[in-house]
């Protein structure tokens, strides 16, 4: 079975539309192919849901994107926000399906960019944002200026477009405080942890440099996406 999976993965990477796909995403494509799953993108305003579906139409995974502006959240560069994501079943973890879902998500967001949930990011999802942050050859990133609830403006830049609520970084990868809502409004706390904020991958909006949607095109060529 392992040899069969590796053979199929090599075939995936040889598909003309799949040339730019990295090994981790290719592993996810390989997995949904082996398990006869498909991917669908469904609009449910204000959300866009990207589903991995079993042959019986049950959910094997989902990532939900919020693409609607929210004044209480700030402008956030106009990015699409990951509201939540899930991979159903322990047997799906570590097989690239999560990486595949996030790659489809960032391609779907396009030039608007993708940002993490502003309140909470799970330890399982954090490595994806860390990957975006540490691969500037593949992804562009824009700094998110934390919205100061006391003034209604960003704390550290003059650009209102980058103002955005930012609390998830206080919990992941290291918990810095129990009460993130109070700490977010605390000027002293925010200044004390400014360096940690600047270096946390959750405080940026990411766009894929290649805007041709190579992963989505690969899935369509393989008839794995409707």
C-alpha atoms as a PDB file:
ATOM      1  CA  UNK A   1       0.000   0.000   0.000  1.00  0.00           C
ATOM      2  CA  UNK A   2       2.830   2.408   0.835  1.00  0.00           C
ATOM      3  CA  UNK A   3       4.468   1.729  -2.546  1.00  0.00           C
ATOM      4  CA  UNK A   4       1.133   2.322  -4.289  1.00  0.00           C
ATOM      5  CA  UNK A   5       0.676   5.656  -2.518  1.00  0.00           C
ATOM      6  CA  UNK A   6       4.186   6.772  -3.472  1.00  0.00           C
ATOM      7  CA  UNK A   7       3.625   5.730  -7.088  1.00  0.00           C
ATOM      8  CA  UNK A   8       0.365   7.678  -7.308  1.00  0.00           C
ATOM      9  CA  UNK A   9       2.062  10.694  -5.724  1.00  0.00           C
ATOM     10  CA  UNK A  10       4.768  10.633  -8.385  1.00  0.00           C
ATOM     11  CA  UNK A  11       2.088  10.443 -11.076  1.00  0.00           C
ATOM     12  CA  UNK A  12       0.308  13.426  -9.535  1.00  0.00           C
ATOM     13  CA  UNK A  13       3.482  15.485  -9.619  1.00  0.00           C
ATOM     14  CA  UNK A  14       3.990  14.538 -13.265  1.00  0.00           C
ATOM     15  CA  UNK A  15       0.568  15.882 -14.304  1.00  0.00           C
ATOM     16  CA  UNK A  16       1.112  19.079 -16.315  1.00  0.00           C
ATOM     17  CA  UNK A  17      -1.217  21.153 -14.127  1.00  0.00           C
ATOM     18  CA  UNK A  18       0.383  19.705 -10.992  1.00  0.00           C
ATOM     19  CA  UNK A  19       3.994  20.663 -11.731  1.00  0.00           C
ATOM     20  CA  UNK A  20       4.172  23.495  -9.116  1.00  0.00           C
ATOM     21  CA  UNK A  21       2.636  21.407  -6.308  1.00  0.00           C
ATOM     22  CA  UNK A  22       4.868  20.762  -3.283  1.00  0.00           C
ATOM     23  CA  UNK A  23       5.253  17.310  -1.744  1.00  0.00           C
ATOM     24  CA  UNK A  24       2.995  17.946   1.272  1.00  0.00           C
ATOM     25  CA  UNK A  25       0.080  19.173  -0.840  1.00  0.00           C
ATOM     26  CA  UNK A  26       0.721  16.354  -3.323  1.00  0.00           C
ATOM     27  CA  UNK A  27       0.442  13.905  -0.417  1.00  0.00           C
ATOM     28  CA  UNK A  28      -2.968  15.389   0.430  1.00  0.00           C
ATOM     29  CA  UNK A  29      -4.112  15.086  -3.188  1.00  0.00           C
ATOM     30  CA  UNK A  30      -2.827  11.525  -3.210  1.00  0.00           C
ATOM     31  CA  UNK A  31      -4.792  10.744  -0.052  1.00  0.00           C
ATOM     32  CA  UNK A  32      -8.126  12.060  -1.287  1.00  0.00           C
ATOM     33  CA  UNK A  33      -7.557  10.214  -4.577  1.00  0.00           C
ATOM     34  CA  UNK A  34      -6.856   6.943  -2.745  1.00  0.00           C
ATOM     35  CA  UNK A  35      -9.956   7.378  -0.575  1.00  0.00           C
ATOM     36  CA  UNK A  36     -12.141   8.435  -3.527  1.00  0.00           C
ATOM     37  CA  UNK A  37     -12.903  11.811  -1.962  1.00  0.00           C
ATOM     38  CA  UNK A  38     -13.643  15.076  -3.757  1.00  0.00           C
ATOM     39  CA  UNK A  39     -13.295  18.746  -2.872  1.00  0.00           C
ATOM     40  CA  UNK A  40     -16.094  21.251  -3.202  1.00  0.00           C
ATOM     41  CA  UNK A  41     -16.173  25.000  -2.592  1.00  0.00           C
ATOM     42  CA  UNK A  42     -19.587  26.157  -1.428  1.00  0.00           C
ATOM     43  CA  UNK A  43     -20.663  29.753  -0.849  1.00  0.00           C
ATOM     44  CA  UNK A  44     -22.821  30.332   2.214  1.00  0.00           C
ATOM     45  CA  UNK A  45     -22.620  34.134   2.685  1.00  0.00           C
ATOM     46  CA  UNK A  46     -20.826  35.560   4.522  1.00  0.00           C
ATOM     47  CA  UNK A  47     -18.833  32.323   4.544  1.00  0.00           C
ATOM     48  CA  UNK A  48     -17.124  30.220   1.914  1.00  0.00           C
ATOM     49  CA  UNK A  49     -16.767  26.564   2.895  1.00  0.00           C
ATOM     50  CA  UNK A  50     -14.166  24.273   1.368  1.00  0.00           C
ATOM     51  CA  UNK A  51     -15.164  20.640   1.930  1.00  0.00           C
ATOM     52  CA  UNK A  52     -13.377  17.345   1.506  1.00  0.00           C
ATOM     53  CA  UNK A  53     -16.196  14.867   0.911  1.00  0.00           C
ATOM     54  CA  UNK A  54     -16.282  11.105   1.221  1.00  0.00           C
ATOM     55  CA  UNK A  55     -17.943   9.172  -1.650  1.00  0.00           C
ATOM     56  CA  UNK A  56     -21.155   9.086   0.429  1.00  0.00           C
ATOM     57  CA  UNK A  57     -21.016  12.916   0.687  1.00  0.00           C
ATOM     58  CA  UNK A  58     -20.045  12.819   4.349  1.00  0.00           C
ATOM     59  CA  UNK A  59     -17.453  15.339   5.486  1.00  0.00           C
ATOM     60  CA  UNK A  60     -13.821  14.261   5.718  1.00  0.00           C
ATOM     61  CA  UNK A  61     -12.635  17.820   6.310  1.00  0.00           C
ATOM     62  CA  UNK A  62     -13.677  21.456   6.110  1.00  0.00           C
ATOM     63  CA  UNK A  63     -12.183  24.924   6.264  1.00  0.00           C
ATOM     64  CA  UNK A  64     -14.565  27.852   6.640  1.00  0.00           C
ATOM     65  CA  UNK A  65     -13.548  31.304   5.387  1.00  0.00           C
ATOM     66  CA  UNK A  66     -15.132  34.607   6.350  1.00  0.00           C
ATOM     67  CA  UNK A  67     -14.728  37.016   3.451  1.00  0.00           C
ATOM     68  CA  UNK A  68     -17.114  39.723   4.643  1.00  0.00           C
ATOM     69  CA  UNK A  69     -15.880  43.014   6.091  1.00  0.00           C
ATOM     70  CA  UNK A  70     -16.623  43.456   9.790  1.00  0.00           C
ATOM     71  CA  UNK A  71     -16.122  46.921  11.279  1.00  0.00           C
ATOM     72  CA  UNK A  72     -15.816  45.509  14.794  1.00  0.00           C
ATOM     73  CA  UNK A  73     -12.870  43.399  13.650  1.00  0.00           C
ATOM     74  CA  UNK A  74     -11.046  46.140  11.737  1.00  0.00           C
ATOM     75  CA  UNK A  75     -10.069  46.324   8.073  1.00  0.00           C
ATOM     76  CA  UNK A  76      -7.506  43.478   8.264  1.00  0.00           C
ATOM     77  CA  UNK A  77      -6.178  44.415   4.789  1.00  0.00           C
ATOM     78  CA  UNK A  78      -9.500  43.147   3.389  1.00  0.00           C
ATOM     79  CA  UNK A  79      -8.304  39.580   4.017  1.00  0.00           C
ATOM     80  CA  UNK A  80     -10.413  36.437   4.187  1.00  0.00           C
ATOM     81  CA  UNK A  81     -10.354  35.109   7.743  1.00  0.00           C
ATOM     82  CA  UNK A  82     -10.192  31.410   8.584  1.00  0.00           C
ATOM     83  CA  UNK A  83     -13.197  30.995  10.865  1.00  0.00           C
ATOM     84  CA  UNK A  84     -12.465  27.330  11.668  1.00  0.00           C
ATOM     85  CA  UNK A  85     -11.167  24.122  10.176  1.00  0.00           C
ATOM     86  CA  UNK A  86     -11.447  20.425  10.942  1.00  0.00           C
ATOM     87  CA  UNK A  87     -10.190  17.079   9.662  1.00  0.00           C
ATOM     88  CA  UNK A  88     -12.661  14.328  10.506  1.00  0.00           C
ATOM     89  CA  UNK A  89     -11.179  11.143  11.924  1.00  0.00           C
ATOM     90  CA  UNK A  90      -7.765  10.535  13.431  1.00  0.00           C
ATOM     91  CA  UNK A  91      -6.763   8.499  10.360  1.00  0.00           C
ATOM     92  CA  UNK A  92      -6.719  11.720   8.308  1.00  0.00           C
ATOM     93  CA  UNK A  93      -4.162  13.569  10.408  1.00  0.00           C
ATOM     94  CA  UNK A  94      -0.594  13.758   9.154  1.00  0.00           C
ATOM     95  CA  UNK A  95      -1.502  12.758   5.592  1.00  0.00           C
ATOM     96  CA  UNK A  96      -1.437  16.190   3.957  1.00  0.00           C
ATOM     97  CA  UNK A  97      -5.185  16.820   3.802  1.00  0.00           C
ATOM     98  CA  UNK A  98      -4.902  19.805   6.141  1.00  0.00           C
ATOM     99  CA  UNK A  99      -2.104  21.292   4.025  1.00  0.00           C
ATOM    100  CA  UNK A 100      -4.218  20.704   0.921  1.00  0.00           C
ATOM    101  CA  UNK A 101      -7.267  22.429   2.436  1.00  0.00           C
ATOM    102  CA  UNK A 102      -5.209  25.453   3.453  1.00  0.00           C
ATOM    103  CA  UNK A 103      -3.607  25.633   0.013  1.00  0.00           C
ATOM    104  CA  UNK A 104      -7.030  25.631  -1.651  1.00  0.00           C
ATOM    105  CA  UNK A 105      -8.117  28.277   0.879  1.00  0.00           C
ATOM    106  CA  UNK A 106      -5.246  30.656   0.186  1.00  0.00           C
ATOM    107  CA  UNK A 107      -5.749  30.233  -3.567  1.00  0.00           C
ATOM    108  CA  UNK A 108      -9.480  30.910  -3.161  1.00  0.00           C
ATOM    109  CA  UNK A 109      -8.746  34.077  -1.176  1.00  0.00           C
ATOM    110  CA  UNK A 110      -6.571  35.230  -4.073  1.00  0.00           C
ATOM    111  CA  UNK A 111      -5.231  38.776  -3.895  1.00  0.00           C
ATOM    112  CA  UNK A 112      -7.326  39.534  -0.803  1.00  0.00           C
ATOM    113  CA  UNK A 113      -5.064  37.301   1.232  1.00  0.00           C
ATOM    114  CA  UNK A 114      -5.712  34.871   4.063  1.00  0.00           C
ATOM    115  CA  UNK A 115      -5.480  35.505   7.799  1.00  0.00           C
ATOM    116  CA  UNK A 116      -5.947  33.272  10.809  1.00  0.00           C
ATOM    117  CA  UNK A 117      -8.904  33.390  13.173  1.00  0.00           C
ATOM    118  CA  UNK A 118      -8.485  36.552  15.215  1.00  0.00           C
ATOM    119  CA  UNK A 119      -9.361  34.967  18.559  1.00  0.00           C
ATOM    120  CA  UNK A 120      -8.030  31.426  18.604  1.00  0.00           C
ATOM    121  CA  UNK A 121      -5.811  29.101  16.540  1.00  0.00           C
ATOM    122  CA  UNK A 122      -5.291  25.469  17.484  1.00  0.00           C
ATOM    123  CA  UNK A 123      -1.801  23.998  17.951  1.00  0.00           C
ATOM    124  CA  UNK A 124      -2.564  21.701  14.992  1.00  0.00           C
ATOM    125  CA  UNK A 125      -3.281  24.649  12.689  1.00  0.00           C
ATOM    126  CA  UNK A 126      -0.368  26.838  13.818  1.00  0.00           C
ATOM    127  CA  UNK A 127       2.320  25.028  11.738  1.00  0.00           C
ATOM    128  CA  UNK A 128       0.478  26.034   8.554  1.00  0.00           C
ATOM    129  CA  UNK A 129       0.771  29.739   9.431  1.00  0.00           C
ATOM    130  CA  UNK A 130       4.359  29.189  10.493  1.00  0.00           C
ATOM    131  CA  UNK A 131       5.022  27.677   7.053  1.00  0.00           C
ATOM    132  CA  UNK A 132       3.571  30.737   5.316  1.00  0.00           C
ATOM    133  CA  UNK A 133       5.659  33.031   7.522  1.00  0.00           C
ATOM    134  CA  UNK A 134       8.932  31.213   6.869  1.00  0.00           C
ATOM    135  CA  UNK A 135       8.582  30.795   3.098  1.00  0.00           C
ATOM    136  CA  UNK A 136       8.804  34.321   1.619  1.00  0.00           C
ATOM    137  CA  UNK A 137       9.743  32.896  -1.794  1.00  0.00           C
ATOM    138  CA  UNK A 138       6.234  31.415  -2.033  1.00  0.00           C
ATOM    139  CA  UNK A 139       4.078  33.787   0.038  1.00  0.00           C
ATOM    140  CA  UNK A 140       3.854  37.534   0.516  1.00  0.00           C
ATOM    141  CA  UNK A 141       2.885  38.774   3.951  1.00  0.00           C
ATOM    142  CA  UNK A 142       1.414  42.022   5.276  1.00  0.00           C
ATOM    143  CA  UNK A 143       1.651  43.092   8.884  1.00  0.00           C
ATOM    144  CA  UNK A 144      -1.544  43.299  10.948  1.00  0.00           C
ATOM    145  CA  UNK A 145      -1.555  46.319  13.267  1.00  0.00           C
ATOM    146  CA  UNK A 146      -3.461  45.335  16.439  1.00  0.00           C
ATOM    147  CA  UNK A 147      -6.651  47.362  16.756  1.00  0.00           C
ATOM    148  CA  UNK A 148      -6.620  49.327  19.991  1.00  0.00           C
ATOM    149  CA  UNK A 149     -10.154  49.016  21.451  1.00  0.00           C
ATOM    150  CA  UNK A 150      -9.518  52.110  23.574  1.00  0.00           C
ATOM    151  CA  UNK A 151      -9.007  54.381  20.541  1.00  0.00           C
ATOM    152  CA  UNK A 152     -10.569  52.437  17.650  1.00  0.00           C
ATOM    153  CA  UNK A 153      -7.256  52.706  15.766  1.00  0.00           C
ATOM    154  CA  UNK A 154      -4.204  50.561  15.196  1.00  0.00           C
ATOM    155  CA  UNK A 155      -1.457  50.762  17.777  1.00  0.00           C
ATOM    156  CA  UNK A 156       1.734  51.055  15.775  1.00  0.00           C
ATOM    157  CA  UNK A 157       1.133  52.250  12.199  1.00  0.00           C
ATOM    158  CA  UNK A 158      -0.745  55.122  10.574  1.00  0.00           C
ATOM    159  CA  UNK A 159      -2.404  52.925   7.951  1.00  0.00           C
ATOM    160  CA  UNK A 160      -6.039  52.171   8.887  1.00  0.00           C
ATOM    161  CA  UNK A 161      -6.165  49.352   6.318  1.00  0.00           C
ATOM    162  CA  UNK A 162      -3.938  47.117   8.471  1.00  0.00           C
ATOM    163  CA  UNK A 163      -5.913  47.623  11.703  1.00  0.00           C
ATOM    164  CA  UNK A 164      -7.327  44.326  12.950  1.00  0.00           C
ATOM    165  CA  UNK A 165      -8.318  42.550  16.139  1.00  0.00           C
ATOM    166  CA  UNK A 166      -5.519  40.217  17.188  1.00  0.00           C
ATOM    167  CA  UNK A 167      -5.854  37.942  20.188  1.00  0.00           C
ATOM    168  CA  UNK A 168      -4.938  34.457  18.941  1.00  0.00           C
ATOM    169  CA  UNK A 169      -1.185  35.139  19.202  1.00  0.00           C
ATOM    170  CA  UNK A 170      -1.496  35.388  22.997  1.00  0.00           C
ATOM    171  CA  UNK A 171      -2.400  31.687  23.177  1.00  0.00           C
ATOM    172  CA  UNK A 172      -0.458  30.060  20.329  1.00  0.00           C
ATOM    173  CA  UNK A 173       2.224  28.779  20.185  1.00  0.00           C
ATOM    174  CA  UNK A 174       2.819  29.921  23.800  1.00  0.00           C
ATOM    175  CA  UNK A 175       0.114  31.075  26.188  1.00  0.00           C
ATOM    176  CA  UNK A 176       1.102  34.541  27.401  1.00  0.00           C
ATOM    177  CA  UNK A 177      -2.065  35.354  29.352  1.00  0.00           C
ATOM    178  CA  UNK A 178      -5.308  33.767  30.478  1.00  0.00           C
ATOM    179  CA  UNK A 179      -7.537  36.773  29.810  1.00  0.00           C
ATOM    180  CA  UNK A 180      -6.832  37.675  26.186  1.00  0.00           C
ATOM    181  CA  UNK A 181      -9.667  40.211  25.965  1.00  0.00           C
ATOM    182  CA  UNK A 182      -8.391  42.302  28.896  1.00  0.00           C
ATOM    183  CA  UNK A 183      -4.757  41.945  27.822  1.00  0.00           C
ATOM    184  CA  UNK A 184      -5.593  43.094  24.293  1.00  0.00           C
ATOM    185  CA  UNK A 185      -6.943  46.352  25.745  1.00  0.00           C
ATOM    186  CA  UNK A 186      -4.007  46.764  28.133  1.00  0.00           C
ATOM    187  CA  UNK A 187      -1.498  49.241  26.684  1.00  0.00           C
ATOM    188  CA  UNK A 188       1.316  48.128  28.989  1.00  0.00           C
ATOM    189  CA  UNK A 189       0.854  44.458  28.131  1.00  0.00           C
ATOM    190  CA  UNK A 190       0.851  45.155  24.390  1.00  0.00           C
ATOM    191  CA  UNK A 191       4.017  47.239  24.584  1.00  0.00           C
ATOM    192  CA  UNK A 192       5.775  44.675  26.790  1.00  0.00           C
ATOM    193  CA  UNK A 193       5.014  41.912  24.278  1.00  0.00           C
ATOM    194  CA  UNK A 194       5.444  43.946  21.082  1.00  0.00           C
ATOM    195  CA  UNK A 195       8.444  41.894  19.919  1.00  0.00           C
ATOM    196  CA  UNK A 196       6.553  38.629  20.455  1.00  0.00           C
ATOM    197  CA  UNK A 197       3.643  40.084  18.522  1.00  0.00           C
ATOM    198  CA  UNK A 198       5.821  41.144  15.591  1.00  0.00           C
ATOM    199  CA  UNK A 199       7.439  37.696  15.377  1.00  0.00           C
ATOM    200  CA  UNK A 200       4.237  35.644  15.583  1.00  0.00           C
ATOM    201  CA  UNK A 201       3.032  34.225  12.223  1.00  0.00           C
ATOM    202  CA  UNK A 202      -0.608  34.738  13.266  1.00  0.00           C
ATOM    203  CA  UNK A 203      -0.241  38.515  12.968  1.00  0.00           C
ATOM    204  CA  UNK A 204       0.090  38.711   9.197  1.00  0.00           C
ATOM    205  CA  UNK A 205      -2.069  38.392   6.093  1.00  0.00           C
ATOM    206  CA  UNK A 206      -0.653  35.997   3.495  1.00  0.00           C
ATOM    207  CA  UNK A 207      -1.057  35.811  -0.266  1.00  0.00           C
ATOM    208  CA  UNK A 208       0.378  33.235  -2.613  1.00  0.00           C
ATOM    209  CA  UNK A 209       2.828  34.773  -5.074  1.00  0.00           C
ATOM    210  CA  UNK A 210       1.591  32.416  -7.810  1.00  0.00           C
ATOM    211  CA  UNK A 211      -1.960  33.632  -8.425  1.00  0.00           C
ATOM    212  CA  UNK A 212      -2.692  31.067 -11.162  1.00  0.00           C
ATOM    213  CA  UNK A 213      -4.288  28.712  -8.577  1.00  0.00           C
ATOM    214  CA  UNK A 214      -2.035  25.734  -9.394  1.00  0.00           C
ATOM    215  CA  UNK A 215      -3.469  23.448  -6.697  1.00  0.00           C
ATOM    216  CA  UNK A 216      -7.062  24.137  -7.724  1.00  0.00           C
ATOM    217  CA  UNK A 217      -6.153  23.608 -11.384  1.00  0.00           C
ATOM    218  CA  UNK A 218      -4.428  20.324 -10.508  1.00  0.00           C
ATOM    219  CA  UNK A 219      -7.504  19.105  -8.601  1.00  0.00           C
ATOM    220  CA  UNK A 220      -9.771  19.989 -11.512  1.00  0.00           C
ATOM    221  CA  UNK A 221      -7.535  18.263 -14.052  1.00  0.00           C
ATOM    222  CA  UNK A 222      -7.622  15.134 -11.895  1.00  0.00           C
ATOM    223  CA  UNK A 223     -11.421  15.466 -11.566  1.00  0.00           C
ATOM    224  CA  UNK A 224     -11.143  15.743  -7.798  1.00  0.00           C
ATOM    225  CA  UNK A 225     -12.853  19.124  -7.573  1.00  0.00           C
ATOM    226  CA  UNK A 226     -16.287  20.082  -8.817  1.00  0.00           C
END
